[in-house]
Amino acid sequence: MGKGKDSDVSGLMASNAAKRRRTHERVVAALKEAGSAGLAFHELRKKTVALDTSLRAILTLLREEGSVHIGCFKLMRRQIVPSYVLGAGEDACIDDYRDLQAKATAKEAEDVEAAARKEAERKHEKWQREWKPRRAEAAWF
């Protein structure tokens, strides 16, 4: 139709608006599918295949509208992250979940220590099996 910059810009804006609308629909569908368990940000990003900035903008908009709330917090890789749930509701308080992080860190430290101890024992047993005296006076061992 029209030539020049203005026609290209309006077409691009319409295209971007359509993409934003489709992403918005995918986010809402993913949250519906998740139900009351909700989805953390990175889970939502994987399901919707949306860019971080777009997803954050959509979640911010939905939270301002009251369509989404933080149902709970999840512990993922030693970090507490919010889990977004579709529907109006009161946001969960992060203070209720802080003890999860402390417990997980303590348990992880115990697990690491136990694993290191097992590894040391395994290496020592291997050394005992394979050890051969190199000097005649050490053969009495």
N, C-alpha and C. Protein backbone atom coordinates (compact mmCIF):
# COMPACT_ATOMS: atom_id res chain seq x y z
N MET A 1 0.82 -1.17 0.00
CA MET A 1 0.00 0.00 0.00
C MET A 1 0.87 1.24 0.00
N GLY A 2 1.07 1.88 1.17
CA GLY A 2 1.87 3.08 1.22
C GLY A 2 3.35 2.75 1.24
N LYS A 3 4.11 3.69 0.73
CA LYS A 3 5.55 3.48 0.71
C LYS A 3 6.18 4.36 1.78
N GLY A 4 7.36 3.99 2.17
CA GLY A 4 8.09 4.82 3.12
C GLY A 4 8.19 4.17 4.49
N LYS A 5 8.76 4.95 5.38
CA LYS A 5 9.04 4.46 6.72
C LYS A 5 7.78 4.19 7.53
N ASP A 6 6.79 5.06 7.43
CA ASP A 6 5.61 4.96 8.28
C ASP A 6 4.86 3.66 8.07
N SER A 7 4.75 3.19 6.85
CA SER A 7 4.02 1.94 6.60
C SER A 7 4.77 0.76 7.17
N ASP A 8 6.10 0.78 7.10
CA ASP A 8 6.91 -0.30 7.67
C ASP A 8 6.79 -0.34 9.19
N VAL A 9 6.78 0.83 9.81
CA VAL A 9 6.71 0.90 11.27
C VAL A 9 5.36 0.41 11.76
N SER A 10 4.29 0.80 11.11
CA SER A 10 2.97 0.37 11.57
C SER A 10 2.81 -1.14 11.40
N GLY A 11 3.37 -1.69 10.32
CA GLY A 11 3.32 -3.14 10.13
C GLY A 11 4.12 -3.87 11.19
N LEU A 12 5.27 -3.31 11.53
CA LEU A 12 6.12 -3.90 12.57
C LEU A 12 5.44 -3.83 13.93
N MET A 13 4.79 -2.70 14.21
CA MET A 13 4.09 -2.55 15.49
C MET A 13 2.94 -3.54 15.60
N ALA A 14 2.22 -3.75 14.51
CA ALA A 14 1.12 -4.72 14.51
C ALA A 14 1.66 -6.13 14.72
N SER A 15 2.79 -6.42 14.08
CA SER A 15 3.41 -7.73 14.23
C SER A 15 3.87 -7.95 15.67
N ASN A 16 4.49 -6.94 16.27
CA ASN A 16 4.94 -7.05 17.66
C ASN A 16 3.77 -7.22 18.62
N ALA A 17 2.68 -6.49 18.35
CA ALA A 17 1.49 -6.61 19.21
C ALA A 17 0.91 -8.02 19.12
N ALA A 18 0.91 -8.59 17.93
CA ALA A 18 0.40 -9.95 17.75
C ALA A 18 1.29 -10.96 18.49
N LYS A 19 2.60 -10.78 18.40
CA LYS A 19 3.53 -11.67 19.12
C LYS A 19 3.32 -11.56 20.63
N ARG A 20 3.17 -10.32 21.10
CA ARG A 20 2.97 -10.09 22.53
C ARG A 20 1.67 -10.75 23.00
N ARG A 21 0.62 -10.66 22.19
CA ARG A 21 -0.67 -11.26 22.53
C ARG A 21 -0.56 -12.79 22.58
N ARG A 22 0.16 -13.38 21.60
CA ARG A 22 0.34 -14.84 21.59
C ARG A 22 1.15 -15.30 22.80
N THR A 23 2.18 -14.54 23.15
CA THR A 23 2.99 -14.88 24.32
C THR A 23 2.15 -14.79 25.58
N HIS A 24 1.33 -13.75 25.66
CA HIS A 24 0.43 -13.56 26.80
C HIS A 24 -0.51 -14.76 26.92
N GLU A 25 -1.06 -15.20 25.81
CA GLU A 25 -1.97 -16.36 25.81
C GLU A 25 -1.24 -17.63 26.24
N ARG A 26 0.01 -17.81 25.78
CA ARG A 26 0.78 -18.99 26.18
C ARG A 26 1.07 -18.98 27.68
N VAL A 27 1.36 -17.81 28.23
CA VAL A 27 1.63 -17.70 29.67
C VAL A 27 0.39 -18.07 30.47
N VAL A 28 -0.75 -17.52 30.09
CA VAL A 28 -2.00 -17.82 30.79
C VAL A 28 -2.33 -19.31 30.68
N ALA A 29 -2.15 -19.89 29.49
CA ALA A 29 -2.44 -21.31 29.30
C ALA A 29 -1.51 -22.18 30.16
N ALA A 30 -0.24 -21.83 30.23
CA ALA A 30 0.71 -22.60 31.05
C ALA A 30 0.36 -22.51 32.53
N LEU A 31 -0.05 -21.33 32.98
CA LEU A 31 -0.43 -21.18 34.39
C LEU A 31 -1.72 -21.93 34.70
N LYS A 32 -2.65 -21.96 33.74
CA LYS A 32 -3.88 -22.75 33.92
C LYS A 32 -3.54 -24.22 34.06
N GLU A 33 -2.66 -24.69 33.20
CA GLU A 33 -2.26 -26.09 33.20
C GLU A 33 -1.57 -26.48 34.51
N ALA A 34 -0.80 -25.56 35.07
CA ALA A 34 -0.05 -25.85 36.31
C ALA A 34 -0.97 -25.95 37.52
N GLY A 35 -2.08 -25.25 37.47
CA GLY A 35 -3.03 -25.31 38.58
C GLY A 35 -2.53 -24.60 39.82
N SER A 36 -2.89 -25.15 40.99
CA SER A 36 -2.56 -24.48 42.25
C SER A 36 -1.08 -24.60 42.62
N ALA A 37 -0.36 -25.53 41.99
CA ALA A 37 1.08 -25.66 42.27
C ALA A 37 1.83 -24.47 41.70
N GLY A 38 1.35 -23.93 40.60
CA GLY A 38 1.99 -22.77 40.00
C GLY A 38 3.29 -23.12 39.30
N LEU A 39 3.90 -22.11 38.73
CA LEU A 39 5.16 -22.28 38.01
C LEU A 39 6.14 -21.19 38.42
N ALA A 40 7.38 -21.58 38.59
CA ALA A 40 8.44 -20.61 38.84
C ALA A 40 8.78 -19.94 37.51
N PHE A 41 9.50 -18.83 37.59
CA PHE A 41 9.80 -18.05 36.39
C PHE A 41 10.49 -18.88 35.32
N HIS A 42 11.53 -19.62 35.69
CA HIS A 42 12.28 -20.36 34.67
C HIS A 42 11.46 -21.53 34.11
N GLU A 43 10.56 -22.11 34.91
CA GLU A 43 9.67 -23.16 34.40
C GLU A 43 8.70 -22.56 33.38
N LEU A 44 8.20 -21.39 33.70
CA LEU A 44 7.28 -20.69 32.81
C LEU A 44 7.98 -20.31 31.51
N ARG A 45 9.24 -19.89 31.62
CA ARG A 45 10.01 -19.52 30.43
C ARG A 45 10.20 -20.73 29.52
N LYS A 46 10.48 -21.89 30.11
CA LYS A 46 10.66 -23.11 29.31
C LYS A 46 9.37 -23.52 28.62
N LYS A 47 8.25 -23.43 29.34
CA LYS A 47 6.97 -23.86 28.77
C LYS A 47 6.48 -22.93 27.67
N THR A 48 6.72 -21.64 27.85
CA THR A 48 6.18 -20.67 26.90
C THR A 48 7.16 -20.28 25.81
N VAL A 49 8.42 -20.61 25.99
CA VAL A 49 9.49 -20.24 25.06
C VAL A 49 9.44 -18.72 24.80
N ALA A 50 9.38 -17.98 25.90
CA ALA A 50 9.32 -16.52 25.81
C ALA A 50 10.64 -15.93 26.30
N LEU A 51 10.94 -14.75 25.82
CA LEU A 51 12.12 -14.03 26.27
C LEU A 51 11.91 -13.53 27.70
N ASP A 52 12.99 -13.40 28.44
CA ASP A 52 12.91 -12.95 29.83
C ASP A 52 12.18 -11.62 29.97
N THR A 53 12.56 -10.65 29.15
CA THR A 53 11.97 -9.32 29.28
C THR A 53 10.47 -9.35 28.99
N SER A 54 10.08 -10.09 27.96
CA SER A 54 8.66 -10.19 27.62
C SER A 54 7.89 -10.88 28.74
N LEU A 55 8.47 -11.96 29.25
CA LEU A 55 7.81 -12.72 30.30
C LEU A 55 7.67 -11.90 31.57
N ARG A 56 8.72 -11.17 31.93
CA ARG A 56 8.65 -10.31 33.12
C ARG A 56 7.58 -9.23 32.95
N ALA A 57 7.52 -8.65 31.76
CA ALA A 57 6.51 -7.61 31.50
C ALA A 57 5.10 -8.19 31.61
N ILE A 58 4.90 -9.37 31.06
CA ILE A 58 3.58 -10.00 31.11
C ILE A 58 3.21 -10.35 32.54
N LEU A 59 4.15 -10.93 33.30
CA LEU A 59 3.86 -11.27 34.70
C LEU A 59 3.57 -10.02 35.52
N THR A 60 4.31 -8.95 35.27
CA THR A 60 4.06 -7.69 35.98
C THR A 60 2.67 -7.17 35.67
N LEU A 61 2.29 -7.20 34.41
CA LEU A 61 0.96 -6.75 34.00
C LEU A 61 -0.13 -7.61 34.64
N LEU A 62 0.04 -8.93 34.59
CA LEU A 62 -0.95 -9.83 35.18
C LEU A 62 -1.06 -9.64 36.69
N ARG A 63 0.06 -9.38 37.35
CA ARG A 63 0.03 -9.17 38.80
C ARG A 63 -0.66 -7.85 39.13
N GLU A 64 -0.41 -6.81 38.31
CA GLU A 64 -1.07 -5.52 38.54
C GLU A 64 -2.57 -5.63 38.34
N GLU A 65 -2.98 -6.45 37.37
CA GLU A 65 -4.41 -6.67 37.12
C GLU A 65 -5.06 -7.52 38.20
N GLY A 66 -4.24 -8.26 38.95
CA GLY A 66 -4.77 -9.16 39.97
C GLY A 66 -5.12 -10.53 39.40
N SER A 67 -4.63 -10.82 38.20
CA SER A 67 -4.92 -12.10 37.56
C SER A 67 -3.96 -13.20 38.00
N VAL A 68 -2.81 -12.81 38.56
CA VAL A 68 -1.79 -13.77 38.99
C VAL A 68 -1.29 -13.35 40.36
N HIS A 69 -1.01 -14.34 41.20
CA HIS A 69 -0.40 -14.05 42.50
C HIS A 69 0.68 -15.08 42.80
N ILE A 70 1.48 -14.81 43.80
CA ILE A 70 2.52 -15.75 44.21
C ILE A 70 1.88 -16.72 45.19
N GLY A 71 1.73 -17.96 44.74
CA GLY A 71 1.07 -18.97 45.56
C GLY A 71 1.98 -19.53 46.64
N CYS A 72 3.23 -19.72 46.31
CA CYS A 72 4.20 -20.24 47.27
C CYS A 72 5.59 -19.92 46.75
N PHE A 73 6.58 -20.35 47.49
CA PHE A 73 7.96 -20.20 47.05
C PHE A 73 8.56 -21.59 46.95
N LYS A 74 9.41 -21.78 45.95
CA LYS A 74 10.05 -23.07 45.73
C LYS A 74 11.56 -22.92 45.93
N LEU A 75 12.16 -23.99 46.41
CA LEU A 75 13.60 -24.00 46.57
C LEU A 75 14.20 -24.66 45.35
N MET A 76 14.96 -23.90 44.58
CA MET A 76 15.58 -24.41 43.37
C MET A 76 17.04 -24.01 43.36
N ARG A 77 17.90 -25.02 43.39
CA ARG A 77 19.35 -24.79 43.38
C ARG A 77 19.77 -23.80 44.46
N ARG A 78 19.35 -24.06 45.67
CA ARG A 78 19.67 -23.25 46.84
C ARG A 78 19.13 -21.83 46.78
N GLN A 79 18.15 -21.58 45.94
CA GLN A 79 17.53 -20.26 45.85
C GLN A 79 16.04 -20.41 46.05
N ILE A 80 15.45 -19.46 46.75
CA ILE A 80 14.00 -19.47 46.92
C ILE A 80 13.42 -18.60 45.82
N VAL A 81 12.55 -19.19 45.00
CA VAL A 81 11.96 -18.46 43.88
C VAL A 81 10.44 -18.50 44.00
N PRO A 82 9.76 -17.43 43.58
CA PRO A 82 8.31 -17.41 43.66
C PRO A 82 7.67 -18.33 42.62
N SER A 83 6.55 -18.92 43.00
CA SER A 83 5.78 -19.76 42.10
C SER A 83 4.48 -19.02 41.79
N TYR A 84 4.29 -18.68 40.53
CA TYR A 84 3.14 -17.88 40.11
C TYR A 84 1.93 -18.77 39.87
N VAL A 85 0.78 -18.33 40.40
CA VAL A 85 -0.46 -19.08 40.28
C VAL A 85 -1.50 -18.17 39.64
N LEU A 86 -2.28 -18.73 38.74
CA LEU A 86 -3.32 -17.96 38.06
C LEU A 86 -4.49 -17.73 39.01
N GLY A 87 -5.02 -16.53 39.01
CA GLY A 87 -6.16 -16.20 39.84
C GLY A 87 -5.80 -15.15 40.88
N ALA A 88 -6.85 -14.49 41.37
CA ALA A 88 -6.64 -13.47 42.39
C ALA A 88 -6.37 -14.17 43.72
N GLY A 89 -5.55 -13.56 44.52
CA GLY A 89 -5.24 -14.13 45.82
C GLY A 89 -4.16 -13.32 46.50
N GLU A 90 -3.93 -13.68 47.75
CA GLU A 90 -2.91 -12.98 48.51
C GLU A 90 -1.56 -13.65 48.27
N ASP A 91 -0.53 -12.84 48.09
CA ASP A 91 0.80 -13.39 47.87
C ASP A 91 1.32 -14.10 49.11
N ALA A 92 2.02 -15.20 48.89
CA ALA A 92 2.65 -15.93 50.00
C ALA A 92 3.79 -15.10 50.56
N CYS A 93 4.05 -15.27 51.84
CA CYS A 93 5.12 -14.52 52.50
C CYS A 93 6.42 -15.32 52.43
N ILE A 94 7.46 -14.69 51.97
CA ILE A 94 8.75 -15.38 51.79
C ILE A 94 9.35 -15.80 53.13
N ASP A 95 9.02 -15.10 54.20
CA ASP A 95 9.58 -15.43 55.51
C ASP A 95 9.20 -16.84 55.96
N ASP A 96 8.03 -17.31 55.53
CA ASP A 96 7.59 -18.66 55.89
C ASP A 96 8.45 -19.74 55.23
N TYR A 97 9.18 -19.38 54.20
CA TYR A 97 9.95 -20.36 53.43
C TYR A 97 11.46 -20.26 53.66
N ARG A 98 11.91 -19.29 54.41
CA ARG A 98 13.35 -19.10 54.62
C ARG A 98 14.01 -20.30 55.29
N ASP A 99 13.28 -20.98 56.19
CA ASP A 99 13.87 -22.14 56.87
C ASP A 99 14.16 -23.28 55.90
N LEU A 100 13.42 -23.36 54.79
CA LEU A 100 13.69 -24.38 53.77
C LEU A 100 15.10 -24.23 53.22
N GLN A 101 15.48 -23.00 52.98
CA GLN A 101 16.80 -22.73 52.42
C GLN A 101 17.89 -23.13 53.41
N ALA A 102 17.71 -22.80 54.67
CA ALA A 102 18.71 -23.15 55.69
C ALA A 102 18.82 -24.66 55.84
N LYS A 103 17.67 -25.36 55.86
CA LYS A 103 17.68 -26.82 55.99
C LYS A 103 18.35 -27.46 54.79
N ALA A 104 18.05 -26.98 53.61
CA ALA A 104 18.63 -27.55 52.39
C ALA A 104 20.13 -27.34 52.35
N THR A 105 20.58 -26.17 52.77
CA THR A 105 22.01 -25.88 52.78
C THR A 105 22.73 -26.78 53.79
N ALA A 106 22.12 -26.98 54.97
CA ALA A 106 22.73 -27.84 55.99
C ALA A 106 22.77 -29.29 55.51
N LYS A 107 21.68 -29.75 54.90
CA LYS A 107 21.63 -31.13 54.40
C LYS A 107 22.64 -31.32 53.28
N GLU A 108 22.75 -30.33 52.42
CA GLU A 108 23.70 -30.42 51.32
C GLU A 108 25.13 -30.50 51.85
N ALA A 109 25.43 -29.73 52.89
CA ALA A 109 26.77 -29.77 53.49
C ALA A 109 27.05 -31.15 54.07
N GLU A 110 26.04 -31.75 54.72
CA GLU A 110 26.21 -33.11 55.26
C GLU A 110 26.43 -34.10 54.13
N ASP A 111 25.66 -33.97 53.07
CA ASP A 111 25.79 -34.88 51.93
C ASP A 111 27.17 -34.77 51.28
N VAL A 112 27.67 -33.56 51.16
CA VAL A 112 28.98 -33.35 50.55
C VAL A 112 30.06 -33.97 51.42
N GLU A 113 29.94 -33.78 52.73
CA GLU A 113 30.92 -34.35 53.65
C GLU A 113 30.90 -35.88 53.60
N ALA A 114 29.71 -36.46 53.59
CA ALA A 114 29.58 -37.92 53.53
C ALA A 114 30.15 -38.45 52.21
N ALA A 115 29.88 -37.76 51.12
CA ALA A 115 30.40 -38.18 49.82
C ALA A 115 31.93 -38.11 49.79
N ALA A 116 32.50 -37.07 50.39
CA ALA A 116 33.96 -36.94 50.43
C ALA A 116 34.57 -38.05 51.28
N ARG A 117 33.92 -38.38 52.39
CA ARG A 117 34.40 -39.46 53.25
C ARG A 117 34.38 -40.80 52.50
N LYS A 118 33.28 -41.08 51.80
CA LYS A 118 33.16 -42.32 51.01
C LYS A 118 34.25 -42.39 49.94
N GLU A 119 34.46 -41.29 49.27
CA GLU A 119 35.47 -41.24 48.21
C GLU A 119 36.86 -41.51 48.77
N ALA A 120 37.17 -40.92 49.93
CA ALA A 120 38.48 -41.15 50.57
C ALA A 120 38.64 -42.62 50.96
N GLU A 121 37.57 -43.22 51.51
CA GLU A 121 37.62 -44.64 51.89
C GLU A 121 37.82 -45.52 50.66
N ARG A 122 37.12 -45.20 49.59
CA ARG A 122 37.24 -45.98 48.36
C ARG A 122 38.66 -45.91 47.81
N LYS A 123 39.24 -44.72 47.79
CA LYS A 123 40.61 -44.57 47.30
C LYS A 123 41.61 -45.30 48.19
N HIS A 124 41.37 -45.26 49.50
CA HIS A 124 42.28 -45.94 50.42
C HIS A 124 42.21 -47.46 50.23
N GLU A 125 40.99 -47.99 50.06
CA GLU A 125 40.84 -49.44 49.83
C GLU A 125 41.53 -49.85 48.53
N LYS A 126 41.40 -49.03 47.51
CA LYS A 126 42.06 -49.32 46.24
C LYS A 126 43.57 -49.32 46.43
N TRP A 127 44.08 -48.35 47.17
CA TRP A 127 45.52 -48.28 47.44
C TRP A 127 45.99 -49.52 48.19
N GLN A 128 45.20 -49.96 49.19
CA GLN A 128 45.58 -51.15 49.96
C GLN A 128 45.65 -52.39 49.07
N ARG A 129 44.69 -52.52 48.16
CA ARG A 129 44.67 -53.69 47.26
C ARG A 129 45.86 -53.68 46.31
N GLU A 130 46.23 -52.52 45.82
CA GLU A 130 47.24 -52.43 44.77
C GLU A 130 48.66 -52.16 45.29
N TRP A 131 48.82 -51.92 46.57
CA TRP A 131 50.13 -51.55 47.10
C TRP A 131 51.10 -52.72 47.06
N LYS A 132 52.28 -52.46 46.56
CA LYS A 132 53.35 -53.46 46.52
C LYS A 132 54.61 -52.81 47.07
N PRO A 133 55.34 -53.53 47.90
CA PRO A 133 56.57 -52.94 48.45
C PRO A 133 57.61 -52.76 47.36
N ARG A 134 58.28 -51.63 47.38
CA ARG A 134 59.32 -51.36 46.39
C ARG A 134 60.71 -51.66 46.96
N ARG A 135 60.78 -51.69 48.28
CA ARG A 135 62.07 -51.99 48.92
C ARG A 135 61.93 -53.29 49.71
N ALA A 136 62.99 -54.03 49.78
CA ALA A 136 62.98 -55.33 50.46
C ALA A 136 62.67 -55.18 51.94
N GLU A 137 63.19 -54.15 52.60
CA GLU A 137 62.94 -53.99 54.03
C GLU A 137 61.49 -53.59 54.34
N ALA A 138 60.73 -53.13 53.32
CA ALA A 138 59.33 -52.77 53.53
C ALA A 138 58.42 -53.97 53.30
N ALA A 139 58.96 -55.10 52.93
CA ALA A 139 58.15 -56.27 52.60
C ALA A 139 57.49 -56.90 53.82
N TRP A 140 58.00 -56.66 55.03
CA TRP A 140 57.40 -57.26 56.23
C TRP A 140 55.97 -56.79 56.46
N PHE A 141 55.58 -55.69 55.88
CA PHE A 141 54.27 -55.06 56.03
C PHE A 141 53.22 -56.08 55.81
